[in-house]
Amino acid sequence: ITRNNAANTVSLQMNSLKPEDAAAYSCKANVRATTG
């Protein structure tokens, strides 16, 4: 897992994939917006 703070992005490089890795992958972020 890596991130780019300037761009507000996060990446996940997945190597040597196995059948048990099959899934729906979701991104979560702890964020503060101008709404407060």
All heavy atoms as atom14 arrays in JSON, in Angstrom:
{
  "sequence": "ITRNNAANTVSLQMNSLKPEDAAAYSCKANVRATTG",
  "atom14_mask": [
    [1, 1, 1, 1, 1, 1, 1, 1, 0, 0, 0, 0, 0, 0],
    [1, 1, 1, 1, 1, 1, 1, 0, 0, 0, 0, 0, 0, 0],
    [1, 1, 1, 1, 1, 1, 1, 1, 1, 1, 1, 0, 0, 0],
    [1, 1, 1, 1, 1, 1, 1, 1, 0, 0, 0, 0, 0, 0],
    [1, 1, 1, 1, 1, 1, 1, 1, 0, 0, 0, 0, 0, 0],
    [1, 1, 1, 1, 1, 0, 0, 0, 0, 0, 0, 0, 0, 0],
    [1, 1, 1, 1, 1, 0, 0, 0, 0, 0, 0, 0, 0, 0],
    [1, 1, 1, 1, 1, 1, 1, 1, 0, 0, 0, 0, 0, 0],
    [1, 1, 1, 1, 1, 1, 1, 0, 0, 0, 0, 0, 0, 0],
    [1, 1, 1, 1, 1, 1, 1, 0, 0, 0, 0, 0, 0, 0],
    [1, 1, 1, 1, 1, 1, 0, 0, 0, 0, 0, 0, 0, 0],
    [1, 1, 1, 1, 1, 1, 1, 1, 0, 0, 0, 0, 0, 0],
    [1, 1, 1, 1, 1, 1, 1, 1, 1, 0, 0, 0, 0, 0],
    [1, 1, 1, 1, 1, 1, 1, 1, 0, 0, 0, 0, 0, 0],
    [1, 1, 1, 1, 1, 1, 1, 1, 0, 0, 0, 0, 0, 0],
    [1, 1, 1, 1, 1, 1, 0, 0, 0, 0, 0, 0, 0, 0],
    [1, 1, 1, 1, 1, 1, 1, 1, 0, 0, 0, 0, 0, 0],
    [1, 1, 1, 1, 1, 1, 1, 1, 1, 0, 0, 0, 0, 0],
    [1, 1, 1, 1, 1, 1, 1, 0, 0, 0, 0, 0, 0, 0],
    [1, 1, 1, 1, 1, 1, 1, 1, 1, 0, 0, 0, 0, 0],
    [1, 1, 1, 1, 1, 1, 1, 1, 0, 0, 0, 0, 0, 0],
    [1, 1, 1, 1, 1, 0, 0, 0, 0, 0, 0, 0, 0, 0],
    [1, 1, 1, 1, 1, 0, 0, 0, 0, 0, 0, 0, 0, 0],
    [1, 1, 1, 1, 1, 0, 0, 0, 0, 0, 0, 0, 0, 0],
    [1, 1, 1, 1, 1, 1, 1, 1, 1, 1, 1, 1, 0, 0],
    [1, 1, 1, 1, 1, 1, 0, 0, 0, 0, 0, 0, 0, 0],
    [1, 1, 1, 1, 1, 1, 0, 0, 0, 0, 0, 0, 0, 0],
    [1, 1, 1, 1, 1, 1, 1, 1, 1, 0, 0, 0, 0, 0],
    [1, 1, 1, 1, 1, 0, 0, 0, 0, 0, 0, 0, 0, 0],
    [1, 1, 1, 1, 1, 1, 1, 1, 0, 0, 0, 0, 0, 0],
    [1, 1, 1, 1, 1, 1, 1, 0, 0, 0, 0, 0, 0, 0],
    [1, 1, 1, 1, 1, 1, 1, 1, 1, 1, 1, 0, 0, 0],
    [1, 1, 1, 1, 1, 0, 0, 0, 0, 0, 0, 0, 0, 0],
    [1, 1, 1, 1, 1, 1, 1, 0, 0, 0, 0, 0, 0, 0],
    [1, 1, 1, 1, 1, 1, 1, 0, 0, 0, 0, 0, 0, 0],
    [1, 1, 1, 1, 0, 0, 0, 0, 0, 0, 0, 0, 0, 0]
  ],
  "atom14_positions": [
    [[0.84, -1.18, 0.0], [0.0, 0.0, 0.0], [0.88, 1.25, 0.0], [1.89, 1.31, 0.71], [-0.97, 0.0, 1.2], [-1.96, 1.17, 1.1], [-0.23, 0.02, 2.52], [-3.1, 1.11, 2.12], [0.0, 0.0, 0.0], [0.0, 0.0, 0.0], [0.0, 0.0, 0.0], [0.0, 0.0, 0.0], [0.0, 0.0, 0.0], [0.0, 0.0, 0.0]],
    [[0.52, 2.22, -0.82], [1.24, 3.48, -0.89], [0.23, 4.62, -0.99], [-0.95, 4.4, -1.27], [2.2, 3.54, -2.1], [1.45, 3.32, -3.31], [3.28, 2.48, -1.99], [0.0, 0.0, 0.0], [0.0, 0.0, 0.0], [0.0, 0.0, 0.0], [0.0, 0.0, 0.0], [0.0, 0.0, 0.0], [0.0, 0.0, 0.0], [0.0, 0.0, 0.0]],
    [[0.71, 5.84, -0.78], [-0.18, 7.0, -0.91], [0.58, 8.2, -1.45], [1.81, 8.29, -1.34], [-0.85, 7.34, 0.42], [0.1, 7.83, 1.5], [-0.63, 7.98, 2.84], [-1.57, 9.09, 2.83], [-2.54, 9.27, 3.74], [-2.7, 8.38, 4.71], [-3.34, 10.33, 3.65], [0.0, 0.0, 0.0], [0.0, 0.0, 0.0], [0.0, 0.0, 0.0]],
    [[-0.18, 9.12, -2.02], [0.33, 10.38, -2.49], [-0.48, 11.47, -1.79], [-1.64, 11.7, -2.13], [0.2, 10.48, -4.01], [0.79, 11.76, -4.57], [0.77, 12.81, -3.94], [1.33, 11.67, -5.79], [0.0, 0.0, 0.0], [0.0, 0.0, 0.0], [0.0, 0.0, 0.0], [0.0, 0.0, 0.0], [0.0, 0.0, 0.0], [0.0, 0.0, 0.0]],
    [[0.12, 12.09, -0.8], [-0.61, 13.07, 0.01], [-1.0, 14.31, -0.79], [-2.06, 14.89, -0.55], [0.22, 13.47, 1.23], [0.36, 12.35, 2.23], [-0.47, 11.44, 2.29], [1.42, 12.4, 3.03], [0.0, 0.0, 0.0], [0.0, 0.0, 0.0], [0.0, 0.0, 0.0], [0.0, 0.0, 0.0], [0.0, 0.0, 0.0], [0.0, 0.0, 0.0]],
    [[-0.16, 14.71, -1.72], [-0.47, 15.89, -2.52], [-1.7, 15.67, -3.4], [-2.46, 16.6, -3.66], [0.73, 16.29, -3.37], [0.0, 0.0, 0.0], [0.0, 0.0, 0.0], [0.0, 0.0, 0.0], [0.0, 0.0, 0.0], [0.0, 0.0, 0.0], [0.0, 0.0, 0.0], [0.0, 0.0, 0.0], [0.0, 0.0, 0.0], [0.0, 0.0, 0.0]],
    [[-1.88, 14.44, -3.86], [-2.99, 14.12, -4.75], [-4.17, 13.49, -4.03], [-5.2, 13.23, -4.66], [-2.51, 13.19, -5.86], [0.0, 0.0, 0.0], [0.0, 0.0, 0.0], [0.0, 0.0, 0.0], [0.0, 0.0, 0.0], [0.0, 0.0, 0.0], [0.0, 0.0, 0.0], [0.0, 0.0, 0.0], [0.0, 0.0, 0.0], [0.0, 0.0, 0.0]],
    [[-4.04, 13.2, -2.74], [-5.08, 12.53, -1.96], [-5.48, 11.19, -2.59], [-6.66, 10.89, -2.76], [-6.31, 13.42, -1.78], [-6.04, 14.6, -0.87], [-5.27, 14.49, 0.09], [-6.67, 15.73, -1.15], [0.0, 0.0, 0.0], [0.0, 0.0, 0.0], [0.0, 0.0, 0.0], [0.0, 0.0, 0.0], [0.0, 0.0, 0.0], [0.0, 0.0, 0.0]],
    [[-4.47, 10.41, -2.92], [-4.7, 9.09, -3.49], [-4.01, 8.02, -2.67], [-3.02, 8.27, -1.99], [-4.21, 9.0, -4.94], [-2.8, 9.26, -4.99], [-4.94, 9.99, -5.83], [0.0, 0.0, 0.0], [0.0, 0.0, 0.0], [0.0, 0.0, 0.0], [0.0, 0.0, 0.0], [0.0, 0.0, 0.0], [0.0, 0.0, 0.0], [0.0, 0.0, 0.0]],
    [[-4.54, 6.81, -2.76], [-3.94, 5.64, -2.14], [-4.01, 4.5, -3.14], [-4.99, 4.39, -3.88], [-4.63, 5.27, -0.81], [-6.09, 4.9, -1.03], [-3.88, 4.13, -0.12], [0.0, 0.0, 0.0], [0.0, 0.0, 0.0], [0.0, 0.0, 0.0], [0.0, 0.0, 0.0], [0.0, 0.0, 0.0], [0.0, 0.0, 0.0], [0.0, 0.0, 0.0]],
    [[-2.95, 3.69, -3.18], [-2.87, 2.6, -4.13], [-2.58, 1.29, -3.42], [-2.05, 1.28, -2.31], [-1.79, 2.86, -5.17], [-2.07, 4.03, -5.93], [0.0, 0.0, 0.0], [0.0, 0.0, 0.0], [0.0, 0.0, 0.0], [0.0, 0.0, 0.0], [0.0, 0.0, 0.0], [0.0, 0.0, 0.0], [0.0, 0.0, 0.0], [0.0, 0.0, 0.0]],
    [[-2.94, 0.2, -4.06], [-2.66, -1.14, -3.55], [-2.12, -1.97, -4.69], [-2.85, -2.28, -5.63], [-3.91, -1.78, -2.96], [-3.71, -3.14, -2.3], [-2.92, -2.98, -0.99], [-5.05, -3.81, -2.03], [0.0, 0.0, 0.0], [0.0, 0.0, 0.0], [0.0, 0.0, 0.0], [0.0, 0.0, 0.0], [0.0, 0.0, 0.0], [0.0, 0.0, 0.0]],
    [[-0.84, -2.33, -4.61], [-0.23, -3.21, -5.59], [-0.36, -4.64, -5.09], [0.14, -4.96, -4.01], [1.24, -2.84, -5.81], [1.95, -3.72, -6.83], [1.35, -3.6, -8.21], [1.03, -2.51, -8.66], [1.18, -4.73, -8.89], [0.0, 0.0, 0.0], [0.0, 0.0, 0.0], [0.0, 0.0, 0.0], [0.0, 0.0, 0.0], [0.0, 0.0, 0.0]],
    [[-1.01, -5.48, -5.87], [-1.28, -6.86, -5.48], [-0.51, -7.8, -6.39], [-0.77, -7.87, -7.59], [-2.78, -7.15, -5.56], [-3.64, -6.18, -4.76], [-5.4, -6.61, -4.78], [-5.76, -6.32, -6.52], [0.0, 0.0, 0.0], [0.0, 0.0, 0.0], [0.0, 0.0, 0.0], [0.0, 0.0, 0.0], [0.0, 0.0, 0.0], [0.0, 0.0, 0.0]],
    [[0.45, -8.5, -5.82], [1.27, -9.46, -6.55], [0.98, -10.87, -6.08], [0.44, -11.09, -5.01], [2.75, -9.15, -6.38], [3.15, -7.79, -6.91], [2.58, -7.3, -7.88], [4.15, -7.18, -6.27], [0.0, 0.0, 0.0], [0.0, 0.0, 0.0], [0.0, 0.0, 0.0], [0.0, 0.0, 0.0], [0.0, 0.0, 0.0], [0.0, 0.0, 0.0]],
    [[1.38, -11.84, -6.9], [1.21, -13.26, -6.56], [-0.22, -13.56, -6.12], [-0.46, -14.18, -5.08], [2.21, -13.67, -5.47], [3.54, -13.44, -5.88], [0.0, 0.0, 0.0], [0.0, 0.0, 0.0], [0.0, 0.0, 0.0], [0.0, 0.0, 0.0], [0.0, 0.0, 0.0], [0.0, 0.0, 0.0], [0.0, 0.0, 0.0], [0.0, 0.0, 0.0]],
    [[-1.16, -13.13, -6.91], [-2.57, -13.26, -6.54], [-2.99, -14.71, -6.4], [-2.55, -15.59, -7.15], [-3.45, -12.57, -7.58], [-3.48, -11.04, -7.47], [-4.03, -10.43, -8.74], [-4.33, -10.62, -6.27], [0.0, 0.0, 0.0], [0.0, 0.0, 0.0], [0.0, 0.0, 0.0], [0.0, 0.0, 0.0], [0.0, 0.0, 0.0], [0.0, 0.0, 0.0]],
    [[-3.84, -14.94, -5.42], [-4.4, -16.26, -5.14], [-5.9, -16.22, -5.33], [-6.52, -15.17, -5.22], [-4.09, -16.67, -3.69], [-2.62, -16.69, -3.34], [-2.42, -17.01, -1.87], [-0.95, -17.05, -1.51], [-0.75, -17.36, -0.07], [0.0, 0.0, 0.0], [0.0, 0.0, 0.0], [0.0, 0.0, 0.0], [0.0, 0.0, 0.0], [0.0, 0.0, 0.0]],
    [[-6.52, -17.37, -5.6], [-7.98, -17.38, -5.75], [-8.71, -16.79, -4.55], [-9.76, -16.15, -4.73], [-8.3, -18.87, -5.93], [-7.07, -19.43, -6.56], [-5.93, -18.68, -5.93], [0.0, 0.0, 0.0], [0.0, 0.0, 0.0], [0.0, 0.0, 0.0], [0.0, 0.0, 0.0], [0.0, 0.0, 0.0], [0.0, 0.0, 0.0], [0.0, 0.0, 0.0]],
    [[-8.19, -16.98, -3.35], [-8.83, -16.45, -2.17], [-8.74, -14.93, -2.05], [-9.37, -14.34, -1.17], [-8.28, -17.1, -0.89], [-6.76, -17.04, -0.78], [-6.08, -18.32, -1.25], [-6.49, -18.86, -2.29], [-5.14, -18.78, -0.57], [0.0, 0.0, 0.0], [0.0, 0.0, 0.0], [0.0, 0.0, 0.0], [0.0, 0.0, 0.0], [0.0, 0.0, 0.0]],
    [[-7.97, -14.28, -2.92], [-7.93, -12.82, -2.96], [-9.12, -12.23, -3.7], [-9.33, -11.01, -3.65], [-6.64, -12.33, -3.63], [-5.4, -12.66, -2.82], [-5.43, -12.54, -1.58], [-4.38, -13.02, -3.45], [0.0, 0.0, 0.0], [0.0, 0.0, 0.0], [0.0, 0.0, 0.0], [0.0, 0.0, 0.0], [0.0, 0.0, 0.0], [0.0, 0.0, 0.0]],
    [[-9.88, -13.04, -4.4], [-11.03, -12.55, -5.15], [-12.05, -11.96, -4.2], [-12.47, -12.6, -3.24], [-11.65, -13.67, -5.98], [0.0, 0.0, 0.0], [0.0, 0.0, 0.0], [0.0, 0.0, 0.0], [0.0, 0.0, 0.0], [0.0, 0.0, 0.0], [0.0, 0.0, 0.0], [0.0, 0.0, 0.0], [0.0, 0.0, 0.0], [0.0, 0.0, 0.0]],
    [[-12.45, -10.72, -4.46], [-13.37, -10.02, -3.58], [-13.69, -8.65, -4.17], [-13.07, -8.22, -5.14], [-12.76, -9.84, -2.18], [0.0, 0.0, 0.0], [0.0, 0.0, 0.0], [0.0, 0.0, 0.0], [0.0, 0.0, 0.0], [0.0, 0.0, 0.0], [0.0, 0.0, 0.0], [0.0, 0.0, 0.0], [0.0, 0.0, 0.0], [0.0, 0.0, 0.0]],
    [[-14.66, -7.99, -3.56], [-14.89, -6.58, -3.83], [-14.0, -5.77, -2.92], [-14.09, -5.89, -1.69], [-16.36, -6.23, -3.63], [0.0, 0.0, 0.0], [0.0, 0.0, 0.0], [0.0, 0.0, 0.0], [0.0, 0.0, 0.0], [0.0, 0.0, 0.0], [0.0, 0.0, 0.0], [0.0, 0.0, 0.0], [0.0, 0.0, 0.0], [0.0, 0.0, 0.0]],
    [[-13.13, -4.96, -3.5], [-12.19, -4.15, -2.73], [-12.7, -2.73, -2.63], [-13.06, -2.11, -3.64], [-10.81, -4.17, -3.4], [-10.05, -5.45, -3.19], [-10.44, -6.61, -3.83], [-8.96, -5.49, -2.33], [-9.75, -7.8, -3.62], [-8.26, -6.67, -2.12], [-8.65, -7.82, -2.76], [-7.96, -8.99, -2.56], [0.0, 0.0, 0.0], [0.0, 0.0, 0.0]],
    [[-12.71, -2.19, -1.4], [-13.22, -0.85, -1.15], [-12.17, 0.0, -0.46], [-11.42, -0.48, 0.39], [-14.48, -0.89, -0.29], [-15.52, -1.6, -0.94], [0.0, 0.0, 0.0], [0.0, 0.0, 0.0], [0.0, 0.0, 0.0], [0.0, 0.0, 0.0], [0.0, 0.0, 0.0], [0.0, 0.0, 0.0], [0.0, 0.0, 0.0], [0.0, 0.0, 0.0]],
    [[-12.16, 1.26, -0.81], [-11.25, 2.23, -0.22], [-11.96, 2.99, 0.89], [-13.12, 3.39, 0.74], [-10.78, 3.19, -1.32], [-9.77, 4.57, -0.77], [0.0, 0.0, 0.0], [0.0, 0.0, 0.0], [0.0, 0.0, 0.0], [0.0, 0.0, 0.0], [0.0, 0.0, 0.0], [0.0, 0.0, 0.0], [0.0, 0.0, 0.0], [0.0, 0.0, 0.0]],
    [[-11.27, 3.19, 2.0], [-11.79, 4.0, 3.1], [-10.77, 5.07, 3.45], [-9.57, 4.82, 3.46], [-12.08, 3.14, 4.33], [-12.73, 3.92, 5.46], [-12.98, 3.07, 6.69], [-11.7, 2.86, 7.48], [-11.97, 2.18, 8.79], [0.0, 0.0, 0.0], [0.0, 0.0, 0.0], [0.0, 0.0, 0.0], [0.0, 0.0, 0.0], [0.0, 0.0, 0.0]],
    [[-11.26, 6.26, 3.75], [-10.4, 7.36, 4.15], [-11.02, 8.13, 5.29], [-12.23, 8.38, 5.3], [-10.12, 8.29, 2.97], [0.0, 0.0, 0.0], [0.0, 0.0, 0.0], [0.0, 0.0, 0.0], [0.0, 0.0, 0.0], [0.0, 0.0, 0.0], [0.0, 0.0, 0.0], [0.0, 0.0, 0.0], [0.0, 0.0, 0.0], [0.0, 0.0, 0.0]],
    [[-10.19, 8.49, 6.25], [-10.61, 9.37, 7.33], [-10.37, 10.8, 6.85], [-9.23, 11.22, 6.67], [-9.82, 9.06, 8.6], [-10.31, 9.81, 9.81], [-9.53, 10.45, 10.51], [-11.6, 9.74, 10.09], [0.0, 0.0, 0.0], [0.0, 0.0, 0.0], [0.0, 0.0, 0.0], [0.0, 0.0, 0.0], [0.0, 0.0, 0.0], [0.0, 0.0, 0.0]],
    [[-11.47, 11.54, 6.63], [-11.42, 12.8, 5.9], [-12.11, 13.91, 6.68], [-13.14, 13.7, 7.31], [-12.09, 12.66, 4.51], [-11.99, 13.96, 3.73], [-11.47, 11.52, 3.73], [0.0, 0.0, 0.0], [0.0, 0.0, 0.0], [0.0, 0.0, 0.0], [0.0, 0.0, 0.0], [0.0, 0.0, 0.0], [0.0, 0.0, 0.0], [0.0, 0.0, 0.0]],
    [[-11.54, 15.1, 6.6], [-12.23, 16.29, 7.07], [-12.46, 17.22, 5.89], [-11.52, 17.62, 5.21], [-11.44, 17.01, 8.16], [-12.26, 18.13, 8.79], [-11.5, 18.86, 9.88], [-12.34, 19.88, 10.49], [-11.93, 20.76, 11.38], [-10.66, 20.75, 11.78], [-12.77, 21.65, 11.88], [0.0, 0.0, 0.0], [0.0, 0.0, 0.0], [0.0, 0.0, 0.0]],
    [[-13.71, 17.58, 5.68], [-14.09, 18.51, 4.64], [-14.45, 19.86, 5.27], [-14.45, 20.01, 6.49], [-15.27, 17.97, 3.83], [0.0, 0.0, 0.0], [0.0, 0.0, 0.0], [0.0, 0.0, 0.0], [0.0, 0.0, 0.0], [0.0, 0.0, 0.0], [0.0, 0.0, 0.0], [0.0, 0.0, 0.0], [0.0, 0.0, 0.0], [0.0, 0.0, 0.0]],
    [[-14.78, 20.82, 4.42], [-15.13, 22.15, 4.92], [-16.46, 22.15, 5.69], [-16.75, 23.13, 6.38], [-15.2, 23.17, 3.78], [-16.1, 22.7, 2.78], [-13.82, 23.37, 3.17], [0.0, 0.0, 0.0], [0.0, 0.0, 0.0], [0.0, 0.0, 0.0], [0.0, 0.0, 0.0], [0.0, 0.0, 0.0], [0.0, 0.0, 0.0], [0.0, 0.0, 0.0]],
    [[-17.23, 21.09, 5.57], [-18.46, 20.96, 6.36], [-18.18, 20.78, 7.84], [-19.09, 20.91, 8.65], [-19.32, 19.81, 5.84], [-18.53, 18.62, 5.76], [-19.88, 20.13, 4.47], [0.0, 0.0, 0.0], [0.0, 0.0, 0.0], [0.0, 0.0, 0.0], [0.0, 0.0, 0.0], [0.0, 0.0, 0.0], [0.0, 0.0, 0.0], [0.0, 0.0, 0.0]],
    [[-16.95, 20.43, 8.19], [-16.54, 20.44, 9.57], [-16.07, 19.14, 10.19], [-14.91, 19.04, 10.61], [0.0, 0.0, 0.0], [0.0, 0.0, 0.0], [0.0, 0.0, 0.0], [0.0, 0.0, 0.0], [0.0, 0.0, 0.0], [0.0, 0.0, 0.0], [0.0, 0.0, 0.0], [0.0, 0.0, 0.0], [0.0, 0.0, 0.0], [0.0, 0.0, 0.0]]
  ]
}
